[in-house]
Amino acid sequence: MPDLSLTTWTAVFLVTFLAGYVKGAVGFAMPMIMISGLGSIIDPKLAIAGLILPTLATNTVQAFRHGYRAAIAVAKAHWRYLSLLLIMIIASSQLVAIVPVKTLFLIIGIPVVALALIQLLSVRLTIPPNRRGLGEWIAGGSAGFLGGLSGVWGPPTVLYLTALNTPKLEQLRLQGVAYGLGALVLLLAHVQSGIFNRETAPFSAYLLGPAILGLLLGFRTSDALNQTLFRRATLIVLILAGLNLVRRGLSG
């Protein structure tokens, strides 16, 4: 276990709880909040290791919240996106040891803020039905590349689903399936890369409690949001999380 002070442990648990709550409310942003929040108080690579088990657990709960049949159906409908997502997570995760942390934050943060702000200002990005397949490949590849490097693969997914005007329940289910499968692959990939090992795994396990508690409370908020409010809330969370990542990238 890492040698952290009581104050640092408290901050780590609070950040994880907040990440779980936001995920329960809007369906994503847990890795972004954890990597940007935890990365401010502990080593960024330890932060990546720490988010692996909470991300896997909360996404499993989210994916199967409405039953396994619904989860399977949404996975079949978006199989292209899911396939490339997993392939790219495996490929790019091996670059963690050589890509500067500040570069990772900027790679993720800048396009997230720009694209989310465009949509929040009512400039709707849409994917026509005849371009959906291409959109799935692009979104899956982008999400997987960023996910393998940083543990964050939500923004391209959310922007893609928003562009498709996906209904709230379907969006939440696909996010759970995509992020859950991605988290499983990320776990295996970072066992290989050495990020997730016998020293860092207990730290990640300790974060399961606050993550699940936050998720369950966030579900209550999500159930009260209609489609319009849900879409606006996801974009606001994207902008805030992206700005924080840019701040971290610029400040180091």
C-alpha atoms as a PDB file:
ATOM      1  CA  MET A   1       0.000   0.000   0.000  1.00  0.00           C
ATOM      2  CA  PRO A   2       1.202   3.553  -0.685  1.00  0.00           C
ATOM      3  CA  ASP A   3       2.369   5.498   2.347  1.00  0.00           C
ATOM      4  CA  LEU A   4      -0.244   8.281   2.429  1.00  0.00           C
ATOM      5  CA  SER A   5      -1.214  10.597   5.271  1.00  0.00           C
ATOM      6  CA  LEU A   6      -4.702  10.567   6.797  1.00  0.00           C
ATOM      7  CA  THR A   7      -5.459  13.875   5.082  1.00  0.00           C
ATOM      8  CA  THR A   8      -4.435  12.459   1.718  1.00  0.00           C
ATOM      9  CA  TRP A   9      -6.506   9.299   2.225  1.00  0.00           C
ATOM     10  CA  THR A  10      -9.529  11.452   3.115  1.00  0.00           C
ATOM     11  CA  ALA A  11      -9.083  13.512  -0.047  1.00  0.00           C
ATOM     12  CA  VAL A  12      -8.682  10.334  -2.124  1.00  0.00           C
ATOM     13  CA  PHE A  13     -11.938   8.889  -0.744  1.00  0.00           C
ATOM     14  CA  LEU A  14     -13.833  12.164  -1.295  1.00  0.00           C
ATOM     15  CA  VAL A  15     -12.663  12.439  -4.901  1.00  0.00           C
ATOM     16  CA  THR A  16     -13.675   8.810  -5.533  1.00  0.00           C
ATOM     17  CA  PHE A  17     -17.093   9.346  -3.947  1.00  0.00           C
ATOM     18  CA  LEU A  18     -17.671  12.452  -6.087  1.00  0.00           C
ATOM     19  CA  ALA A  19     -16.600  10.541  -9.203  1.00  0.00           C
ATOM     20  CA  GLY A  20     -19.052   7.753  -8.373  1.00  0.00           C
ATOM     21  CA  TYR A  21     -21.877  10.216  -7.779  1.00  0.00           C
ATOM     22  CA  VAL A  22     -21.337  12.040 -11.082  1.00  0.00           C
ATOM     23  CA  LYS A  23     -21.159   8.715 -12.909  1.00  0.00           C
ATOM     24  CA  GLY A  24     -24.435   7.610 -11.381  1.00  0.00           C
ATOM     25  CA  ALA A  25     -26.081  10.906 -12.336  1.00  0.00           C
ATOM     26  CA  VAL A  26     -24.900  11.252 -15.965  1.00  0.00           C
ATOM     27  CA  GLY A  27     -23.429   7.836 -16.773  1.00  0.00           C
ATOM     28  CA  PHE A  28     -19.763   8.740 -17.243  1.00  0.00           C
ATOM     29  CA  ALA A  29     -16.848  10.970 -16.139  1.00  0.00           C
ATOM     30  CA  MET A  30     -15.661   8.750 -13.280  1.00  0.00           C
ATOM     31  CA  PRO A  31     -12.179   8.107 -14.718  1.00  0.00           C
ATOM     32  CA  MET A  32     -11.802  11.769 -15.711  1.00  0.00           C
ATOM     33  CA  ILE A  33     -12.664  13.002 -12.238  1.00  0.00           C
ATOM     34  CA  MET A  34     -10.468  10.396 -10.583  1.00  0.00           C
ATOM     35  CA  ILE A  35      -7.428  10.874 -12.812  1.00  0.00           C
ATOM     36  CA  SER A  36      -7.611  14.669 -12.628  1.00  0.00           C
ATOM     37  CA  GLY A  37      -8.532  14.807  -8.931  1.00  0.00           C
ATOM     38  CA  LEU A  38      -6.289  12.031  -7.656  1.00  0.00           C
ATOM     39  CA  GLY A  39      -3.519  13.132 -10.000  1.00  0.00           C
ATOM     40  CA  SER A  40      -3.431  16.419  -8.099  1.00  0.00           C
ATOM     41  CA  ILE A  41      -2.631  14.755  -4.763  1.00  0.00           C
ATOM     42  CA  ILE A  42      -0.861  11.468  -5.566  1.00  0.00           C
ATOM     43  CA  ASP A  43       1.377  10.106  -8.317  1.00  0.00           C
ATOM     44  CA  PRO A  44      -0.587  10.080 -11.629  1.00  0.00           C
ATOM     45  CA  LYS A  45       0.354   6.480 -12.404  1.00  0.00           C
ATOM     46  CA  LEU A  46      -0.910   5.414  -8.965  1.00  0.00           C
ATOM     47  CA  ALA A  47      -4.098   7.327  -9.781  1.00  0.00           C
ATOM     48  CA  ILE A  48      -4.489   5.320 -13.016  1.00  0.00           C
ATOM     49  CA  ALA A  49      -4.042   2.073 -11.074  1.00  0.00           C
ATOM     50  CA  GLY A  50      -6.489   3.244  -8.415  1.00  0.00           C
ATOM     51  CA  LEU A  51      -9.347   3.910 -10.798  1.00  0.00           C
ATOM     52  CA  ILE A  52      -9.238   0.460 -12.439  1.00  0.00           C
ATOM     53  CA  LEU A  53     -11.297  -1.611  -9.956  1.00  0.00           C
ATOM     54  CA  PRO A  54     -13.839   1.125  -9.095  1.00  0.00           C
ATOM     55  CA  THR A  55     -14.360   1.765 -12.809  1.00  0.00           C
ATOM     56  CA  LEU A  56     -14.859  -1.931 -13.516  1.00  0.00           C
ATOM     57  CA  ALA A  57     -17.311  -2.387 -10.624  1.00  0.00           C
ATOM     58  CA  THR A  58     -19.438   0.709 -11.227  1.00  0.00           C
ATOM     59  CA  ASN A  59     -19.705   0.088 -14.957  1.00  0.00           C
ATOM     60  CA  THR A  60     -20.830  -3.487 -14.344  1.00  0.00           C
ATOM     61  CA  VAL A  61     -23.592  -2.209 -12.060  1.00  0.00           C
ATOM     62  CA  GLN A  62     -24.584   0.444 -14.612  1.00  0.00           C
ATOM     63  CA  ALA A  63     -24.582  -1.946 -17.587  1.00  0.00           C
ATOM     64  CA  PHE A  64     -26.844  -4.528 -15.937  1.00  0.00           C
ATOM     65  CA  ARG A  65     -29.047  -2.168 -13.944  1.00  0.00           C
ATOM     66  CA  HIS A  66     -31.979  -2.824 -16.285  1.00  0.00           C
ATOM     67  CA  GLY A  67     -31.243  -6.522 -16.891  1.00  0.00           C
ATOM     68  CA  TYR A  68     -28.774  -8.487 -18.981  1.00  0.00           C
ATOM     69  CA  ARG A  69     -31.038  -8.647 -22.062  1.00  0.00           C
ATOM     70  CA  ALA A  70     -31.047  -4.869 -22.391  1.00  0.00           C
ATOM     71  CA  ALA A  71     -27.261  -4.822 -22.029  1.00  0.00           C
ATOM     72  CA  ILE A  72     -26.790  -7.494 -24.719  1.00  0.00           C
ATOM     73  CA  ALA A  73     -29.174  -5.710 -27.106  1.00  0.00           C
ATOM     74  CA  VAL A  74     -27.350  -2.399 -26.875  1.00  0.00           C
ATOM     75  CA  ALA A  75     -23.980  -4.141 -27.302  1.00  0.00           C
ATOM     76  CA  LYS A  76     -25.187  -5.763 -30.534  1.00  0.00           C
ATOM     77  CA  ALA A  77     -26.454  -2.432 -31.841  1.00  0.00           C
ATOM     78  CA  HIS A  78     -23.038  -0.777 -31.336  1.00  0.00           C
ATOM     79  CA  TRP A  79     -20.672  -3.682 -31.986  1.00  0.00           C
ATOM     80  CA  ARG A  80     -18.334  -1.716 -34.284  1.00  0.00           C
ATOM     81  CA  TYR A  81     -17.686   0.924 -31.670  1.00  0.00           C
ATOM     82  CA  LEU A  82     -17.112  -1.668 -28.942  1.00  0.00           C
ATOM     83  CA  SER A  83     -14.757  -3.784 -31.045  1.00  0.00           C
ATOM     84  CA  LEU A  84     -12.383  -0.977 -31.976  1.00  0.00           C
ATOM     85  CA  LEU A  85     -12.566   0.480 -28.464  1.00  0.00           C
ATOM     86  CA  LEU A  86     -11.173  -2.701 -26.933  1.00  0.00           C
ATOM     87  CA  ILE A  87      -8.500  -3.186 -29.597  1.00  0.00           C
ATOM     88  CA  MET A  88      -7.200   0.355 -29.178  1.00  0.00           C
ATOM     89  CA  ILE A  89      -7.184   0.178 -25.365  1.00  0.00           C
ATOM     90  CA  ILE A  90      -4.902  -2.852 -25.557  1.00  0.00           C
ATOM     91  CA  ALA A  91      -2.619  -1.214 -28.126  1.00  0.00           C
ATOM     92  CA  SER A  92      -2.243   2.239 -26.535  1.00  0.00           C
ATOM     93  CA  SER A  93      -2.011   1.110 -22.894  1.00  0.00           C
ATOM     94  CA  GLN A  94       1.556   0.003 -23.517  1.00  0.00           C
ATOM     95  CA  LEU A  95       2.524   3.626 -24.248  1.00  0.00           C
ATOM     96  CA  VAL A  96       1.755   4.856 -20.707  1.00  0.00           C
ATOM     97  CA  ALA A  97       5.340   4.495 -19.554  1.00  0.00           C
ATOM     98  CA  ILE A  98       6.750   6.685 -22.338  1.00  0.00           C
ATOM     99  CA  VAL A  99       4.118   9.425 -22.927  1.00  0.00           C
ATOM    100  CA  PRO A 100       4.464  12.472 -20.600  1.00  0.00           C
ATOM    101  CA  VAL A 101       1.563  12.878 -18.179  1.00  0.00           C
ATOM    102  CA  LYS A 102       1.076  16.556 -19.098  1.00  0.00           C
ATOM    103  CA  THR A 103       0.707  15.571 -22.734  1.00  0.00           C
ATOM    104  CA  LEU A 104      -1.999  13.052 -21.860  1.00  0.00           C
ATOM    105  CA  PHE A 105      -4.045  15.654 -20.017  1.00  0.00           C
ATOM    106  CA  LEU A 106      -3.867  18.099 -22.934  1.00  0.00           C
ATOM    107  CA  ILE A 107      -4.645  15.422 -25.541  1.00  0.00           C
ATOM    108  CA  ILE A 108      -7.865  14.613 -23.701  1.00  0.00           C
ATOM    109  CA  GLY A 109      -8.874  17.991 -22.298  1.00  0.00           C
ATOM    110  CA  ILE A 110      -8.658  20.369 -25.275  1.00  0.00           C
ATOM    111  CA  PRO A 111     -10.909  18.496 -27.757  1.00  0.00           C
ATOM    112  CA  VAL A 112     -13.384  17.584 -25.007  1.00  0.00           C
ATOM    113  CA  VAL A 113     -13.893  21.216 -23.980  1.00  0.00           C
ATOM    114  CA  ALA A 114     -14.143  22.426 -27.575  1.00  0.00           C
ATOM    115  CA  LEU A 115     -16.648  19.835 -28.769  1.00  0.00           C
ATOM    116  CA  ALA A 116     -18.801  19.926 -25.631  1.00  0.00           C
ATOM    117  CA  LEU A 117     -18.919  23.744 -25.646  1.00  0.00           C
ATOM    118  CA  ILE A 118     -20.000  23.742 -29.284  1.00  0.00           C
ATOM    119  CA  GLN A 119     -22.909  21.459 -28.462  1.00  0.00           C
ATOM    120  CA  LEU A 120     -23.849  23.322 -25.274  1.00  0.00           C
ATOM    121  CA  LEU A 121     -24.177  26.496 -27.400  1.00  0.00           C
ATOM    122  CA  SER A 122     -26.820  24.621 -29.435  1.00  0.00           C
ATOM    123  CA  VAL A 123     -24.609  23.884 -32.413  1.00  0.00           C
ATOM    124  CA  ARG A 124     -25.807  20.313 -32.826  1.00  0.00           C
ATOM    125  CA  LEU A 125     -23.344  17.773 -34.154  1.00  0.00           C
ATOM    126  CA  THR A 126     -25.299  15.062 -35.919  1.00  0.00           C
ATOM    127  CA  ILE A 127     -24.354  11.805 -37.589  1.00  0.00           C
ATOM    128  CA  PRO A 128     -26.695  10.901 -40.478  1.00  0.00           C
ATOM    129  CA  PRO A 129     -27.834   7.270 -40.649  1.00  0.00           C
ATOM    130  CA  ASN A 130     -25.720   6.555 -43.738  1.00  0.00           C
ATOM    131  CA  ARG A 131     -22.581   7.710 -41.836  1.00  0.00           C
ATOM    132  CA  ARG A 132     -23.268   5.896 -38.593  1.00  0.00           C
ATOM    133  CA  GLY A 133     -20.826   3.051 -39.285  1.00  0.00           C
ATOM    134  CA  LEU A 134     -17.972   5.481 -39.953  1.00  0.00           C
ATOM    135  CA  GLY A 135     -18.917   7.446 -36.834  1.00  0.00           C
ATOM    136  CA  GLU A 136     -18.749   4.283 -34.743  1.00  0.00           C
ATOM    137  CA  TRP A 137     -15.254   3.423 -36.011  1.00  0.00           C
ATOM    138  CA  ILE A 138     -13.961   6.946 -35.360  1.00  0.00           C
ATOM    139  CA  ALA A 139     -15.525   7.189 -31.895  1.00  0.00           C
ATOM    140  CA  GLY A 140     -14.382   3.702 -30.902  1.00  0.00           C
ATOM    141  CA  GLY A 141     -10.834   4.273 -32.096  1.00  0.00           C
ATOM    142  CA  SER A 142     -10.534   7.671 -30.412  1.00  0.00           C
ATOM    143  CA  ALA A 143     -12.035   6.451 -27.159  1.00  0.00           C
ATOM    144  CA  GLY A 144      -9.838   3.367 -27.065  1.00  0.00           C
ATOM    145  CA  PHE A 145      -6.640   5.264 -27.820  1.00  0.00           C
ATOM    146  CA  LEU A 146      -7.262   7.771 -25.022  1.00  0.00           C
ATOM    147  CA  GLY A 147      -8.526   5.071 -22.681  1.00  0.00           C
ATOM    148  CA  GLY A 148      -5.448   2.929 -22.961  1.00  0.00           C
ATOM    149  CA  LEU A 149      -3.181   5.901 -22.302  1.00  0.00           C
ATOM    150  CA  SER A 150      -5.044   7.528 -19.441  1.00  0.00           C
ATOM    151  CA  GLY A 151      -7.918   5.337 -18.235  1.00  0.00           C
ATOM    152  CA  VAL A 152     -10.340   7.910 -19.709  1.00  0.00           C
ATOM    153  CA  TRP A 153     -12.470   6.880 -22.686  1.00  0.00           C
ATOM    154  CA  GLY A 154     -15.803   8.524 -21.911  1.00  0.00           C
ATOM    155  CA  PRO A 155     -15.704  11.852 -23.827  1.00  0.00           C
ATOM    156  CA  PRO A 156     -15.578  10.483 -27.406  1.00  0.00           C
ATOM    157  CA  THR A 157     -18.308   8.007 -26.476  1.00  0.00           C
ATOM    158  CA  VAL A 158     -20.603  10.648 -25.011  1.00  0.00           C
ATOM    159  CA  LEU A 159     -20.036  13.044 -27.904  1.00  0.00           C
ATOM    160  CA  TYR A 160     -20.782  10.225 -30.358  1.00  0.00           C
ATOM    161  CA  LEU A 161     -23.996   9.209 -28.568  1.00  0.00           C
ATOM    162  CA  THR A 162     -25.090  12.831 -28.270  1.00  0.00           C
ATOM    163  CA  ALA A 163     -24.539  13.315 -32.003  1.00  0.00           C
ATOM    164  CA  LEU A 164     -26.806  10.316 -32.595  1.00  0.00           C
ATOM    165  CA  ASN A 165     -29.403  11.846 -30.234  1.00  0.00           C
ATOM    166  CA  THR A 166     -29.444   8.566 -28.317  1.00  0.00           C
ATOM    167  CA  PRO A 167     -32.279   8.195 -25.740  1.00  0.00           C
ATOM    168  CA  LYS A 168     -31.146   8.486 -22.113  1.00  0.00           C
ATOM    169  CA  LEU A 169     -31.672   4.856 -21.072  1.00  0.00           C
ATOM    170  CA  GLU A 170     -29.945   3.453 -24.156  1.00  0.00           C
ATOM    171  CA  GLN A 171     -27.074   5.881 -23.660  1.00  0.00           C
ATOM    172  CA  LEU A 172     -26.630   4.845 -20.029  1.00  0.00           C
ATOM    173  CA  ARG A 173     -26.715   1.147 -20.935  1.00  0.00           C
ATOM    174  CA  LEU A 174     -24.169   1.480 -23.731  1.00  0.00           C
ATOM    175  CA  GLN A 175     -21.883   3.544 -21.530  1.00  0.00           C
ATOM    176  CA  GLY A 176     -22.043   0.858 -18.858  1.00  0.00           C
ATOM    177  CA  VAL A 177     -21.287  -1.929 -21.343  1.00  0.00           C
ATOM    178  CA  ALA A 178     -18.556   0.005 -23.174  1.00  0.00           C
ATOM    179  CA  TYR A 179     -16.832   1.284 -20.066  1.00  0.00           C
ATOM    180  CA  GLY A 180     -17.208  -2.051 -18.287  1.00  0.00           C
ATOM    181  CA  LEU A 181     -15.603  -4.022 -21.117  1.00  0.00           C
ATOM    182  CA  GLY A 182     -12.996  -1.325 -21.501  1.00  0.00           C
ATOM    183  CA  ALA A 183     -12.210  -1.413 -17.778  1.00  0.00           C
ATOM    184  CA  LEU A 184     -11.736  -5.188 -17.920  1.00  0.00           C
ATOM    185  CA  VAL A 185      -9.356  -4.876 -20.870  1.00  0.00           C
ATOM    186  CA  LEU A 186      -7.610  -1.966 -19.161  1.00  0.00           C
ATOM    187  CA  LEU A 187      -7.080  -4.115 -16.069  1.00  0.00           C
ATOM    188  CA  LEU A 188      -5.468  -6.878 -18.127  1.00  0.00           C
ATOM    189  CA  ALA A 189      -3.448  -4.406 -20.176  1.00  0.00           C
ATOM    190  CA  HIS A 190      -2.032  -2.668 -17.106  1.00  0.00           C
ATOM    191  CA  VAL A 191      -1.148  -5.971 -15.497  1.00  0.00           C
ATOM    192  CA  GLN A 192       1.015  -6.370 -18.576  1.00  0.00           C
ATOM    193  CA  SER A 193       2.333  -2.781 -18.457  1.00  0.00           C
ATOM    194  CA  GLY A 194       3.120  -3.048 -14.746  1.00  0.00           C
ATOM    195  CA  ILE A 195       0.852  -0.154 -13.666  1.00  0.00           C
ATOM    196  CA  PHE A 196      -1.556  -2.542 -11.906  1.00  0.00           C
ATOM    197  CA  ASN A 197       0.440  -4.894  -9.654  1.00  0.00           C
ATOM    198  CA  ARG A 198       0.452  -6.421  -6.174  1.00  0.00           C
ATOM    199  CA  GLU A 199       1.437  -3.065  -4.665  1.00  0.00           C
ATOM    200  CA  THR A 200      -1.206  -0.932  -6.412  1.00  0.00           C
ATOM    201  CA  ALA A 201      -4.102  -3.444  -6.525  1.00  0.00           C
ATOM    202  CA  PRO A 202      -4.961  -3.106  -2.784  1.00  0.00           C
ATOM    203  CA  PHE A 203      -5.082   0.665  -3.173  1.00  0.00           C
ATOM    204  CA  SER A 204      -7.594   0.295  -6.014  1.00  0.00           C
ATOM    205  CA  ALA A 205      -9.664  -2.161  -3.937  1.00  0.00           C
ATOM    206  CA  TYR A 206      -9.904   0.321  -1.055  1.00  0.00           C
ATOM    207  CA  LEU A 207     -11.603   2.788  -3.393  1.00  0.00           C
ATOM    208  CA  LEU A 208     -14.487   0.438  -4.244  1.00  0.00           C
ATOM    209  CA  GLY A 209     -16.554   1.458  -1.202  1.00  0.00           C
ATOM    210  CA  PRO A 210     -16.768   5.221  -1.817  1.00  0.00           C
ATOM    211  CA  ALA A 211     -17.167   4.637  -5.576  1.00  0.00           C
ATOM    212  CA  ILE A 212     -20.191   2.333  -5.211  1.00  0.00           C
ATOM    213  CA  LEU A 213     -21.791   4.546  -2.553  1.00  0.00           C
ATOM    214  CA  GLY A 214     -21.469   7.593  -4.787  1.00  0.00           C
ATOM    215  CA  LEU A 215     -22.853   5.646  -7.770  1.00  0.00           C
ATOM    216  CA  LEU A 216     -25.999   4.559  -5.934  1.00  0.00           C
ATOM    217  CA  LEU A 217     -26.722   8.100  -4.775  1.00  0.00           C
ATOM    218  CA  GLY A 218     -26.082   9.384  -8.297  1.00  0.00           C
ATOM    219  CA  PHE A 219     -28.658   6.955  -9.712  1.00  0.00           C
ATOM    220  CA  ARG A 220     -31.337   8.816  -7.754  1.00  0.00           C
ATOM    221  CA  THR A 221     -30.389  12.069  -9.426  1.00  0.00           C
ATOM    222  CA  SER A 222     -30.315  10.452 -12.866  1.00  0.00           C
ATOM    223  CA  ASP A 223     -33.820   9.052 -12.498  1.00  0.00           C
ATOM    224  CA  ALA A 224     -35.146  12.581 -11.937  1.00  0.00           C
ATOM    225  CA  LEU A 225     -33.610  14.038 -15.133  1.00  0.00           C
ATOM    226  CA  ASN A 226     -35.514  14.197 -18.421  1.00  0.00           C
ATOM    227  CA  GLN A 227     -33.746  13.823 -21.781  1.00  0.00           C
ATOM    228  CA  THR A 228     -33.067  17.555 -22.265  1.00  0.00           C
ATOM    229  CA  LEU A 229     -31.690  18.081 -18.757  1.00  0.00           C
ATOM    230  CA  PHE A 230     -29.689  14.871 -19.012  1.00  0.00           C
ATOM    231  CA  ARG A 231     -28.037  16.024 -22.240  1.00  0.00           C
ATOM    232  CA  ARG A 232     -27.224  19.458 -20.810  1.00  0.00           C
ATOM    233  CA  ALA A 233     -25.854  17.933 -17.606  1.00  0.00           C
ATOM    234  CA  THR A 234     -23.549  15.600 -19.533  1.00  0.00           C
ATOM    235  CA  LEU A 235     -22.155  18.474 -21.595  1.00  0.00           C
ATOM    236  CA  ILE A 236     -21.555  20.646 -18.520  1.00  0.00           C
ATOM    237  CA  VAL A 237     -19.737  17.790 -16.791  1.00  0.00           C
ATOM    238  CA  LEU A 238     -17.646  17.258 -19.924  1.00  0.00           C
ATOM    239  CA  ILE A 239     -16.617  20.910 -20.020  1.00  0.00           C
ATOM    240  CA  LEU A 240     -15.714  21.087 -16.326  1.00  0.00           C
ATOM    241  CA  ALA A 241     -13.752  17.847 -16.420  1.00  0.00           C
ATOM    242  CA  GLY A 242     -12.017  18.851 -19.640  1.00  0.00           C
ATOM    243  CA  LEU A 243     -11.008  22.255 -18.263  1.00  0.00           C
ATOM    244  CA  ASN A 244      -9.514  20.588 -15.222  1.00  0.00           C
ATOM    245  CA  LEU A 245      -7.505  18.252 -17.431  1.00  0.00           C
ATOM    246  CA  VAL A 246      -6.229  21.197 -19.457  1.00  0.00           C
ATOM    247  CA  ARG A 247      -5.265  22.956 -16.208  1.00  0.00           C
ATOM    248  CA  ARG A 248      -3.317  19.906 -15.115  1.00  0.00           C
ATOM    249  CA  GLY A 249      -1.644  19.651 -18.505  1.00  0.00           C
ATOM    250  CA  LEU A 250      -0.523  23.268 -18.452  1.00  0.00           C
ATOM    251  CA  SER A 251       0.506  23.363 -14.797  1.00  0.00           C
ATOM    252  CA  GLY A 252       2.153  19.943 -14.602  1.00  0.00           C
END
